[in-house]
N, C-alpha and C. Protein backbone atom coordinates (compact mmCIF):
# COMPACT_ATOMS: atom_id res chain seq x y z
N MET A 1 -29.86 -82.90 -30.73
CA MET A 1 -28.46 -82.83 -30.33
C MET A 1 -27.73 -84.07 -30.79
N ALA A 2 -26.67 -83.85 -31.52
CA ALA A 2 -25.87 -84.97 -31.98
C ALA A 2 -24.42 -84.73 -31.58
N PHE A 3 -24.05 -85.30 -30.46
CA PHE A 3 -22.66 -85.19 -30.01
C PHE A 3 -21.83 -86.22 -30.75
N VAL A 4 -20.67 -85.79 -31.22
CA VAL A 4 -19.76 -86.70 -31.91
C VAL A 4 -18.49 -86.83 -31.08
N SER A 5 -17.93 -88.00 -31.13
CA SER A 5 -16.72 -88.27 -30.36
C SER A 5 -15.53 -87.52 -30.96
N LEU A 6 -14.73 -86.93 -30.09
CA LEU A 6 -13.50 -86.27 -30.51
C LEU A 6 -12.28 -87.17 -30.35
N ILE A 7 -12.49 -88.32 -29.71
CA ILE A 7 -11.37 -89.23 -29.44
C ILE A 7 -11.72 -90.64 -29.89
N SER A 8 -10.71 -91.36 -30.29
CA SER A 8 -10.89 -92.78 -30.63
C SER A 8 -9.88 -93.64 -29.89
N GLU A 9 -8.97 -92.97 -29.18
CA GLU A 9 -7.97 -93.68 -28.38
C GLU A 9 -7.56 -92.79 -27.22
N MET A 10 -6.78 -93.36 -26.32
CA MET A 10 -6.31 -92.61 -25.16
C MET A 10 -5.41 -91.46 -25.60
N PRO A 11 -5.58 -90.29 -24.99
CA PRO A 11 -4.64 -89.19 -25.26
C PRO A 11 -3.23 -89.57 -24.82
N ASP A 12 -2.23 -89.00 -25.49
CA ASP A 12 -0.83 -89.29 -25.17
C ASP A 12 -0.36 -88.59 -23.91
N SER A 13 -0.91 -87.40 -23.66
CA SER A 13 -0.47 -86.63 -22.50
C SER A 13 -1.62 -85.79 -21.97
N PHE A 14 -1.41 -85.25 -20.78
CA PHE A 14 -2.45 -84.45 -20.12
C PHE A 14 -1.83 -83.16 -19.60
N SER A 15 -2.57 -82.09 -19.70
CA SER A 15 -2.13 -80.80 -19.17
C SER A 15 -2.77 -80.59 -17.80
N ILE A 16 -1.94 -80.33 -16.80
CA ILE A 16 -2.41 -80.13 -15.43
C ILE A 16 -2.37 -78.64 -15.13
N GLU A 17 -3.50 -78.11 -14.66
CA GLU A 17 -3.59 -76.69 -14.32
C GLU A 17 -3.95 -76.54 -12.85
N ALA A 18 -3.36 -75.54 -12.20
CA ALA A 18 -3.77 -75.18 -10.83
C ALA A 18 -4.93 -74.20 -10.97
N ASP A 19 -5.98 -74.38 -10.15
CA ASP A 19 -7.14 -73.51 -10.30
C ASP A 19 -7.19 -72.35 -9.31
N GLY A 20 -6.20 -72.23 -8.44
CA GLY A 20 -6.17 -71.12 -7.50
C GLY A 20 -6.91 -71.38 -6.20
N ASP A 21 -7.66 -72.45 -6.14
CA ASP A 21 -8.40 -72.81 -4.92
C ASP A 21 -7.83 -74.05 -4.25
N GLY A 22 -6.56 -74.30 -4.45
CA GLY A 22 -5.93 -75.47 -3.85
C GLY A 22 -6.17 -76.75 -4.62
N ALA A 23 -6.61 -76.62 -5.87
CA ALA A 23 -6.89 -77.81 -6.68
C ALA A 23 -6.01 -77.81 -7.93
N HIS A 24 -5.75 -79.01 -8.40
CA HIS A 24 -5.10 -79.22 -9.69
C HIS A 24 -6.11 -79.98 -10.55
N VAL A 25 -6.23 -79.56 -11.81
CA VAL A 25 -7.30 -80.05 -12.67
C VAL A 25 -6.73 -80.49 -14.01
N VAL A 26 -7.31 -81.57 -14.54
CA VAL A 26 -7.04 -82.01 -15.90
C VAL A 26 -8.37 -82.03 -16.63
N LEU A 27 -8.43 -81.36 -17.78
CA LEU A 27 -9.62 -81.36 -18.63
C LEU A 27 -9.30 -82.08 -19.93
N VAL A 28 -10.12 -83.06 -20.28
CA VAL A 28 -9.91 -83.82 -21.51
C VAL A 28 -11.16 -83.71 -22.37
N PRO A 29 -11.10 -83.01 -23.52
CA PRO A 29 -12.25 -82.94 -24.42
C PRO A 29 -12.52 -84.31 -25.03
N VAL A 30 -13.80 -84.73 -24.99
CA VAL A 30 -14.12 -86.06 -25.51
C VAL A 30 -15.23 -86.05 -26.56
N ALA A 31 -16.06 -84.99 -26.60
CA ALA A 31 -17.16 -84.96 -27.57
C ALA A 31 -17.55 -83.51 -27.86
N TYR A 32 -18.25 -83.33 -28.99
CA TYR A 32 -18.66 -81.99 -29.41
C TYR A 32 -19.98 -82.09 -30.16
N CYS A 33 -20.82 -81.05 -30.01
CA CYS A 33 -22.06 -80.94 -30.77
C CYS A 33 -21.99 -79.66 -31.59
N ASP A 34 -21.98 -79.79 -32.93
CA ASP A 34 -21.88 -78.58 -33.76
C ASP A 34 -23.21 -77.84 -33.87
N VAL A 35 -24.31 -78.49 -33.52
CA VAL A 35 -25.61 -77.82 -33.55
C VAL A 35 -25.73 -76.84 -32.40
N THR A 36 -25.31 -77.25 -31.21
CA THR A 36 -25.42 -76.40 -30.02
C THR A 36 -24.10 -75.75 -29.63
N ASP A 37 -23.03 -76.07 -30.34
CA ASP A 37 -21.69 -75.55 -30.06
C ASP A 37 -21.28 -75.82 -28.61
N ARG A 38 -21.48 -77.08 -28.21
CA ARG A 38 -21.11 -77.47 -26.84
C ARG A 38 -20.02 -78.54 -26.88
N LEU A 39 -19.10 -78.40 -25.93
CA LEU A 39 -17.96 -79.30 -25.78
C LEU A 39 -18.15 -80.13 -24.52
N VAL A 40 -17.92 -81.43 -24.62
CA VAL A 40 -18.00 -82.32 -23.46
C VAL A 40 -16.58 -82.64 -23.03
N GLN A 41 -16.32 -82.46 -21.75
CA GLN A 41 -14.98 -82.71 -21.21
C GLN A 41 -15.07 -83.59 -19.97
N VAL A 42 -14.05 -84.41 -19.78
CA VAL A 42 -13.88 -85.13 -18.53
C VAL A 42 -12.98 -84.24 -17.66
N GLU A 43 -13.49 -83.88 -16.48
CA GLU A 43 -12.69 -83.09 -15.54
C GLU A 43 -12.26 -83.99 -14.39
N SER A 44 -10.96 -84.10 -14.19
CA SER A 44 -10.40 -84.83 -13.05
C SER A 44 -9.75 -83.79 -12.15
N ARG A 45 -10.03 -83.88 -10.84
CA ARG A 45 -9.63 -82.82 -9.91
C ARG A 45 -9.04 -83.42 -8.64
N LEU A 46 -7.90 -82.88 -8.22
CA LEU A 46 -7.26 -83.25 -6.96
C LEU A 46 -7.20 -81.97 -6.13
N THR A 47 -8.00 -81.93 -5.05
CA THR A 47 -8.19 -80.71 -4.26
C THR A 47 -7.61 -80.86 -2.87
N TYR A 48 -6.75 -79.92 -2.49
CA TYR A 48 -6.21 -79.89 -1.13
C TYR A 48 -7.32 -79.42 -0.19
N THR A 49 -7.50 -80.16 0.91
CA THR A 49 -8.56 -79.88 1.86
C THR A 49 -8.01 -79.90 3.27
N GLN A 50 -8.35 -78.88 4.04
CA GLN A 50 -8.03 -78.89 5.46
C GLN A 50 -9.30 -79.27 6.21
N ALA A 51 -9.37 -80.51 6.57
CA ALA A 51 -10.50 -81.06 7.32
C ALA A 51 -9.96 -82.24 8.11
N THR A 52 -10.64 -82.59 9.16
CA THR A 52 -10.15 -83.64 10.04
C THR A 52 -10.76 -84.99 9.69
N LEU A 53 -9.90 -85.97 9.62
CA LEU A 53 -10.32 -87.37 9.56
C LEU A 53 -9.97 -87.92 10.94
N PRO A 54 -10.90 -87.79 11.90
CA PRO A 54 -10.57 -87.99 13.31
C PRO A 54 -10.01 -89.36 13.67
N ARG A 55 -10.56 -90.42 13.11
CA ARG A 55 -10.07 -91.75 13.49
C ARG A 55 -8.64 -91.97 13.06
N LEU A 56 -8.20 -91.20 12.07
CA LEU A 56 -6.83 -91.35 11.56
C LEU A 56 -5.90 -90.26 12.05
N ASN A 57 -6.45 -89.29 12.79
CA ASN A 57 -5.66 -88.16 13.28
C ASN A 57 -4.99 -87.41 12.12
N ILE A 58 -5.76 -87.20 11.06
CA ILE A 58 -5.28 -86.49 9.87
C ILE A 58 -6.05 -85.18 9.76
N ALA A 59 -5.33 -84.07 9.59
CA ALA A 59 -5.96 -82.74 9.56
C ALA A 59 -6.04 -82.15 8.15
N SER A 60 -5.39 -82.77 7.19
CA SER A 60 -5.47 -82.29 5.81
C SER A 60 -5.19 -83.45 4.86
N PHE A 61 -5.72 -83.32 3.66
CA PHE A 61 -5.58 -84.38 2.66
C PHE A 61 -5.94 -83.79 1.30
N HIS A 62 -5.79 -84.59 0.27
CA HIS A 62 -6.24 -84.23 -1.07
C HIS A 62 -7.44 -85.12 -1.41
N GLU A 63 -8.47 -84.52 -1.98
CA GLU A 63 -9.63 -85.29 -2.41
C GLU A 63 -9.63 -85.37 -3.93
N PHE A 64 -9.80 -86.59 -4.46
CA PHE A 64 -9.88 -86.78 -5.90
C PHE A 64 -11.34 -86.92 -6.30
N SER A 65 -11.71 -86.24 -7.37
CA SER A 65 -13.06 -86.38 -7.93
C SER A 65 -12.99 -86.20 -9.44
N PHE A 66 -14.02 -86.66 -10.11
CA PHE A 66 -14.11 -86.43 -11.55
C PHE A 66 -15.56 -86.20 -11.91
N THR A 67 -15.76 -85.49 -13.01
CA THR A 67 -17.11 -85.15 -13.46
C THR A 67 -17.10 -84.99 -14.97
N ILE A 68 -18.29 -85.02 -15.55
CA ILE A 68 -18.46 -84.74 -16.97
C ILE A 68 -18.99 -83.32 -17.08
N LEU A 69 -18.28 -82.48 -17.82
CA LEU A 69 -18.68 -81.08 -18.04
C LEU A 69 -19.19 -80.92 -19.46
N VAL A 70 -20.29 -80.20 -19.62
CA VAL A 70 -20.80 -79.84 -20.94
C VAL A 70 -20.77 -78.31 -21.00
N VAL A 71 -19.87 -77.79 -21.82
CA VAL A 71 -19.58 -76.35 -21.84
C VAL A 71 -20.06 -75.75 -23.16
N SER A 72 -20.83 -74.67 -23.07
CA SER A 72 -21.24 -73.93 -24.25
C SER A 72 -20.08 -73.06 -24.71
N LEU A 73 -19.59 -73.30 -25.91
CA LEU A 73 -18.47 -72.51 -26.43
C LEU A 73 -18.92 -71.14 -26.90
N SER A 74 -20.22 -70.98 -27.13
CA SER A 74 -20.74 -69.67 -27.54
C SER A 74 -21.34 -68.91 -26.36
N ASP A 75 -21.18 -69.46 -25.16
CA ASP A 75 -21.66 -68.82 -23.93
C ASP A 75 -23.15 -68.53 -23.92
N ASP A 76 -23.94 -69.31 -24.66
CA ASP A 76 -25.38 -69.07 -24.66
C ASP A 76 -26.13 -70.01 -23.72
N ALA A 77 -25.40 -70.86 -23.02
CA ALA A 77 -26.02 -71.77 -22.04
C ALA A 77 -25.03 -71.97 -20.90
N PRO A 78 -25.54 -72.17 -19.69
CA PRO A 78 -24.63 -72.41 -18.57
C PRO A 78 -23.93 -73.76 -18.70
N THR A 79 -22.78 -73.86 -18.08
CA THR A 79 -22.06 -75.14 -18.06
C THR A 79 -22.86 -76.14 -17.25
N TYR A 80 -22.98 -77.33 -17.79
CA TYR A 80 -23.69 -78.41 -17.11
C TYR A 80 -22.64 -79.41 -16.65
N GLU A 81 -22.77 -79.90 -15.43
CA GLU A 81 -21.85 -80.93 -14.97
C GLU A 81 -22.61 -82.02 -14.25
N THR A 82 -22.11 -83.24 -14.40
CA THR A 82 -22.74 -84.37 -13.74
C THR A 82 -21.71 -85.44 -13.39
N GLN A 83 -22.00 -86.14 -12.32
CA GLN A 83 -21.23 -87.32 -11.95
C GLN A 83 -22.12 -88.56 -12.06
N ASP A 84 -23.31 -88.38 -12.56
CA ASP A 84 -24.28 -89.46 -12.70
C ASP A 84 -24.17 -90.05 -14.11
N ARG A 85 -23.82 -91.32 -14.17
CA ARG A 85 -23.60 -91.95 -15.48
C ARG A 85 -24.85 -91.94 -16.35
N THR A 86 -26.04 -91.97 -15.75
CA THR A 86 -27.29 -91.96 -16.52
C THR A 86 -27.41 -90.66 -17.31
N TYR A 87 -27.11 -89.54 -16.68
CA TYR A 87 -27.17 -88.25 -17.36
C TYR A 87 -25.98 -88.04 -18.28
N ALA A 88 -24.82 -88.51 -17.88
CA ALA A 88 -23.61 -88.33 -18.70
C ALA A 88 -23.75 -89.04 -20.04
N ARG A 89 -24.42 -90.18 -20.05
CA ARG A 89 -24.58 -90.96 -21.29
C ARG A 89 -25.21 -90.13 -22.41
N LEU A 90 -26.06 -89.17 -22.04
CA LEU A 90 -26.73 -88.35 -23.05
C LEU A 90 -25.75 -87.52 -23.87
N TYR A 91 -24.58 -87.26 -23.32
CA TYR A 91 -23.60 -86.39 -23.96
C TYR A 91 -22.36 -87.14 -24.46
N LEU A 92 -22.31 -88.43 -24.19
CA LEU A 92 -21.13 -89.22 -24.55
C LEU A 92 -21.47 -90.20 -25.66
N PRO A 93 -20.98 -89.96 -26.87
CA PRO A 93 -21.23 -90.89 -27.97
C PRO A 93 -20.62 -92.26 -27.67
N ASP A 94 -21.18 -93.27 -28.30
CA ASP A 94 -20.72 -94.64 -28.09
C ASP A 94 -19.21 -94.78 -28.28
N GLY A 95 -18.65 -94.04 -29.23
CA GLY A 95 -17.23 -94.17 -29.55
C GLY A 95 -16.29 -93.78 -28.42
N CYS A 96 -16.73 -92.87 -27.56
CA CYS A 96 -15.82 -92.43 -26.49
C CYS A 96 -16.16 -93.02 -25.12
N ARG A 97 -17.33 -93.61 -24.97
CA ARG A 97 -17.73 -94.13 -23.64
C ARG A 97 -16.73 -95.11 -23.03
N PRO A 98 -16.23 -96.09 -23.80
CA PRO A 98 -15.29 -97.04 -23.19
C PRO A 98 -13.97 -96.41 -22.75
N LEU A 99 -13.70 -95.19 -23.20
CA LEU A 99 -12.43 -94.53 -22.87
C LEU A 99 -12.52 -93.65 -21.62
N ILE A 100 -13.74 -93.38 -21.14
CA ILE A 100 -13.90 -92.41 -20.05
C ILE A 100 -13.16 -92.84 -18.79
N MET A 101 -13.40 -94.03 -18.29
CA MET A 101 -12.73 -94.44 -17.04
C MET A 101 -11.23 -94.65 -17.23
N PRO A 102 -10.76 -95.20 -18.34
CA PRO A 102 -9.31 -95.22 -18.54
C PRO A 102 -8.70 -93.80 -18.56
N ILE A 103 -9.42 -92.83 -19.12
CA ILE A 103 -8.95 -91.44 -19.10
C ILE A 103 -8.90 -90.93 -17.68
N VAL A 104 -9.96 -91.17 -16.90
CA VAL A 104 -9.98 -90.72 -15.50
C VAL A 104 -8.82 -91.35 -14.73
N SER A 105 -8.59 -92.63 -14.94
CA SER A 105 -7.50 -93.32 -14.26
C SER A 105 -6.14 -92.72 -14.64
N ALA A 106 -5.94 -92.46 -15.93
CA ALA A 106 -4.68 -91.87 -16.38
C ALA A 106 -4.51 -90.44 -15.85
N CYS A 107 -5.60 -89.70 -15.76
CA CYS A 107 -5.54 -88.34 -15.19
C CYS A 107 -5.19 -88.40 -13.71
N LEU A 108 -5.77 -89.36 -12.99
CA LEU A 108 -5.45 -89.53 -11.58
C LEU A 108 -3.95 -89.81 -11.42
N LYS A 109 -3.44 -90.70 -12.24
CA LYS A 109 -2.01 -91.03 -12.18
C LYS A 109 -1.16 -89.79 -12.45
N ALA A 110 -1.53 -89.00 -13.46
CA ALA A 110 -0.78 -87.78 -13.78
C ALA A 110 -0.86 -86.75 -12.65
N LEU A 111 -2.05 -86.58 -12.07
CA LEU A 111 -2.22 -85.64 -10.96
C LEU A 111 -1.38 -86.03 -9.75
N VAL A 112 -1.40 -87.32 -9.43
CA VAL A 112 -0.64 -87.82 -8.27
C VAL A 112 0.86 -87.63 -8.49
N ALA A 113 1.32 -87.89 -9.70
CA ALA A 113 2.75 -87.71 -10.01
C ALA A 113 3.14 -86.23 -9.92
N HIS A 114 2.24 -85.35 -10.29
CA HIS A 114 2.52 -83.92 -10.28
C HIS A 114 2.45 -83.32 -8.87
N VAL A 115 1.40 -83.66 -8.13
CA VAL A 115 1.15 -83.06 -6.81
C VAL A 115 1.87 -83.80 -5.69
N ARG A 116 1.97 -85.11 -5.81
CA ARG A 116 2.59 -85.99 -4.80
C ARG A 116 1.96 -85.85 -3.42
N PRO A 117 0.64 -85.98 -3.33
CA PRO A 117 -0.01 -85.87 -2.02
C PRO A 117 0.32 -87.06 -1.12
N THR A 118 0.34 -86.82 0.17
CA THR A 118 0.60 -87.89 1.13
C THR A 118 -0.65 -88.71 1.39
N VAL A 119 -1.80 -88.03 1.53
CA VAL A 119 -3.07 -88.70 1.82
C VAL A 119 -4.09 -88.30 0.77
N ILE A 120 -4.82 -89.28 0.24
CA ILE A 120 -5.88 -89.04 -0.74
C ILE A 120 -7.18 -89.62 -0.21
N TYR A 121 -8.23 -88.82 -0.31
CA TYR A 121 -9.58 -89.21 0.10
C TYR A 121 -10.45 -89.28 -1.14
N ARG A 122 -11.24 -90.33 -1.24
CA ARG A 122 -12.21 -90.46 -2.33
C ARG A 122 -13.54 -90.88 -1.74
N VAL A 123 -14.62 -90.41 -2.32
CA VAL A 123 -15.96 -90.76 -1.82
C VAL A 123 -16.90 -90.89 -3.02
N THR A 124 -17.84 -91.83 -2.91
CA THR A 124 -18.85 -91.94 -3.95
C THR A 124 -19.78 -90.74 -3.84
N LYS A 125 -20.40 -90.36 -4.92
CA LYS A 125 -21.31 -89.22 -4.88
C LYS A 125 -22.73 -89.65 -4.56
N SER A 126 -23.03 -90.92 -4.72
CA SER A 126 -24.37 -91.39 -4.40
C SER A 126 -24.35 -92.23 -3.13
N ARG A 127 -25.50 -92.27 -2.50
CA ARG A 127 -25.65 -93.06 -1.28
C ARG A 127 -25.87 -94.52 -1.65
N ASN A 128 -25.30 -95.39 -0.87
CA ASN A 128 -25.51 -96.83 -1.03
C ASN A 128 -25.41 -97.28 -2.49
N PRO A 129 -24.28 -97.02 -3.14
CA PRO A 129 -24.16 -97.40 -4.55
C PRO A 129 -24.17 -98.92 -4.71
N PRO A 130 -24.76 -99.41 -5.81
CA PRO A 130 -24.74 -100.86 -6.06
C PRO A 130 -23.32 -101.30 -6.41
N GLU A 131 -23.06 -102.58 -6.24
CA GLU A 131 -21.72 -103.11 -6.50
C GLU A 131 -21.25 -102.81 -7.92
N LYS A 132 -22.17 -102.88 -8.89
CA LYS A 132 -21.79 -102.60 -10.28
C LYS A 132 -21.24 -101.18 -10.42
N ALA A 133 -21.83 -100.24 -9.69
CA ALA A 133 -21.38 -98.84 -9.76
C ALA A 133 -20.01 -98.66 -9.10
N LEU A 134 -19.63 -99.58 -8.24
CA LEU A 134 -18.35 -99.46 -7.54
C LEU A 134 -17.15 -99.93 -8.37
N ARG A 135 -17.40 -100.47 -9.55
CA ARG A 135 -16.29 -100.94 -10.40
C ARG A 135 -15.30 -99.82 -10.70
N LYS A 136 -15.82 -98.62 -10.94
CA LYS A 136 -14.92 -97.50 -11.22
C LYS A 136 -14.07 -97.17 -10.01
N ASP A 137 -14.63 -97.35 -8.82
CA ASP A 137 -13.87 -97.07 -7.60
C ASP A 137 -12.78 -98.11 -7.38
N VAL A 138 -13.05 -99.34 -7.75
CA VAL A 138 -12.02 -100.39 -7.69
C VAL A 138 -10.88 -100.03 -8.64
N LEU A 139 -11.22 -99.59 -9.85
CA LEU A 139 -10.21 -99.18 -10.82
C LEU A 139 -9.35 -98.04 -10.27
N LEU A 140 -9.97 -97.03 -9.68
CA LEU A 140 -9.22 -95.88 -9.17
C LEU A 140 -8.37 -96.26 -7.96
N THR A 141 -8.87 -97.15 -7.12
CA THR A 141 -8.08 -97.62 -5.98
C THR A 141 -6.86 -98.38 -6.48
N ARG A 142 -7.04 -99.23 -7.47
CA ARG A 142 -5.90 -99.98 -8.04
C ARG A 142 -4.89 -99.03 -8.69
N THR A 143 -5.39 -97.99 -9.34
CA THR A 143 -4.49 -97.00 -9.94
C THR A 143 -3.61 -96.38 -8.87
N LEU A 144 -4.21 -96.00 -7.75
CA LEU A 144 -3.44 -95.40 -6.65
C LEU A 144 -2.48 -96.41 -6.02
N GLU A 145 -2.92 -97.64 -5.87
CA GLU A 145 -2.04 -98.68 -5.32
C GLU A 145 -0.83 -98.89 -6.23
N ASP A 146 -1.06 -98.85 -7.54
CA ASP A 146 0.05 -98.98 -8.50
C ASP A 146 1.03 -97.81 -8.40
N GLU A 147 0.56 -96.69 -7.87
CA GLU A 147 1.41 -95.51 -7.70
C GLU A 147 2.03 -95.43 -6.30
N GLY A 148 1.91 -96.49 -5.52
CA GLY A 148 2.56 -96.55 -4.22
C GLY A 148 1.69 -96.16 -3.03
N TYR A 149 0.40 -96.08 -3.23
CA TYR A 149 -0.52 -95.76 -2.13
C TYR A 149 -1.13 -97.03 -1.58
N ALA A 150 -1.53 -96.97 -0.31
CA ALA A 150 -2.20 -98.10 0.34
C ALA A 150 -3.46 -97.59 1.01
N VAL A 151 -4.51 -98.39 0.95
CA VAL A 151 -5.75 -98.04 1.64
C VAL A 151 -5.51 -98.14 3.14
N ILE A 152 -5.77 -97.04 3.86
CA ILE A 152 -5.61 -97.06 5.32
C ILE A 152 -6.96 -97.03 6.02
N GLU A 153 -8.01 -96.67 5.30
CA GLU A 153 -9.36 -96.76 5.86
C GLU A 153 -10.36 -96.75 4.72
N THR A 154 -11.42 -97.49 4.90
CA THR A 154 -12.55 -97.48 3.99
C THR A 154 -13.80 -97.69 4.81
N GLY A 155 -14.92 -97.23 4.31
CA GLY A 155 -16.16 -97.39 5.06
C GLY A 155 -17.28 -96.62 4.41
N THR A 156 -18.29 -96.34 5.22
CA THR A 156 -19.46 -95.58 4.78
C THR A 156 -19.60 -94.37 5.68
N ASP A 157 -19.76 -93.19 5.07
CA ASP A 157 -19.88 -91.99 5.88
C ASP A 157 -21.31 -91.82 6.41
N LEU A 158 -21.55 -90.73 7.12
CA LEU A 158 -22.85 -90.48 7.75
C LEU A 158 -23.98 -90.36 6.74
N TRP A 159 -23.67 -90.08 5.49
CA TRP A 159 -24.67 -89.90 4.44
C TRP A 159 -24.84 -91.15 3.58
N GLY A 160 -24.23 -92.26 3.98
CA GLY A 160 -24.38 -93.51 3.25
C GLY A 160 -23.48 -93.63 2.03
N ARG A 161 -22.50 -92.77 1.92
CA ARG A 161 -21.57 -92.82 0.78
C ARG A 161 -20.34 -93.64 1.16
N ARG A 162 -19.86 -94.44 0.22
CA ARG A 162 -18.63 -95.21 0.45
C ARG A 162 -17.43 -94.28 0.30
N PHE A 163 -16.41 -94.48 1.15
CA PHE A 163 -15.21 -93.66 1.05
C PHE A 163 -13.97 -94.52 1.20
N TRP A 164 -12.84 -93.97 0.72
CA TRP A 164 -11.54 -94.60 0.82
C TRP A 164 -10.53 -93.54 1.21
N VAL A 165 -9.64 -93.88 2.12
CA VAL A 165 -8.52 -93.01 2.47
C VAL A 165 -7.26 -93.80 2.15
N LEU A 166 -6.39 -93.21 1.34
CA LEU A 166 -5.16 -93.87 0.93
C LEU A 166 -3.97 -93.00 1.32
N SER A 167 -2.88 -93.66 1.69
CA SER A 167 -1.68 -92.95 2.11
C SER A 167 -0.49 -93.44 1.30
N ARG A 168 0.38 -92.51 0.96
CA ARG A 168 1.59 -92.84 0.22
C ARG A 168 2.69 -93.18 1.22
N ALA A 169 3.40 -94.22 0.94
CA ALA A 169 4.54 -94.57 1.79
C ALA A 169 5.59 -93.49 1.67
N LEU A 170 6.07 -93.02 2.80
CA LEU A 170 7.11 -91.99 2.79
C LEU A 170 8.45 -92.64 2.47
N THR A 171 9.18 -92.01 1.57
CA THR A 171 10.50 -92.54 1.21
C THR A 171 11.57 -91.66 1.82
N VAL A 172 12.69 -92.28 2.15
CA VAL A 172 13.80 -91.55 2.77
C VAL A 172 14.74 -91.05 1.71
């Protein structure tokens, strides 16, 4: 398998699609393998969720997540997705790797501008992540702060995952 980078710089714009399940999604193609006819995409997703954040007395929010998708364009293999950087590296050529988190950050900014959620929840996918792994979370938190959001709670959930709850200041 030889995946080649489809990008050498940040895309100029992003297309936001509603998926019908209360989510808005941005897909950015970043690599392709002509041997297996598979496309690698960064998927950024902002999903409306009705769930309680009891300490904050919040009954609904939007959750932001991102993943790497490997899609068979010839439909001869199931779509593979991962949020684990170790596995994602196998599909991301060196040329596009440094662009992945800036793309995710830009997609988050575009999604927030489009949806304008009041409360955003983010959580790590792994338990007890090392500080080095949290760099991407610092980047995403700063992105949201630059868009007018403030962290109103952070901590560790029952499964050992770090989480952040951010709220947008209401304007009159």
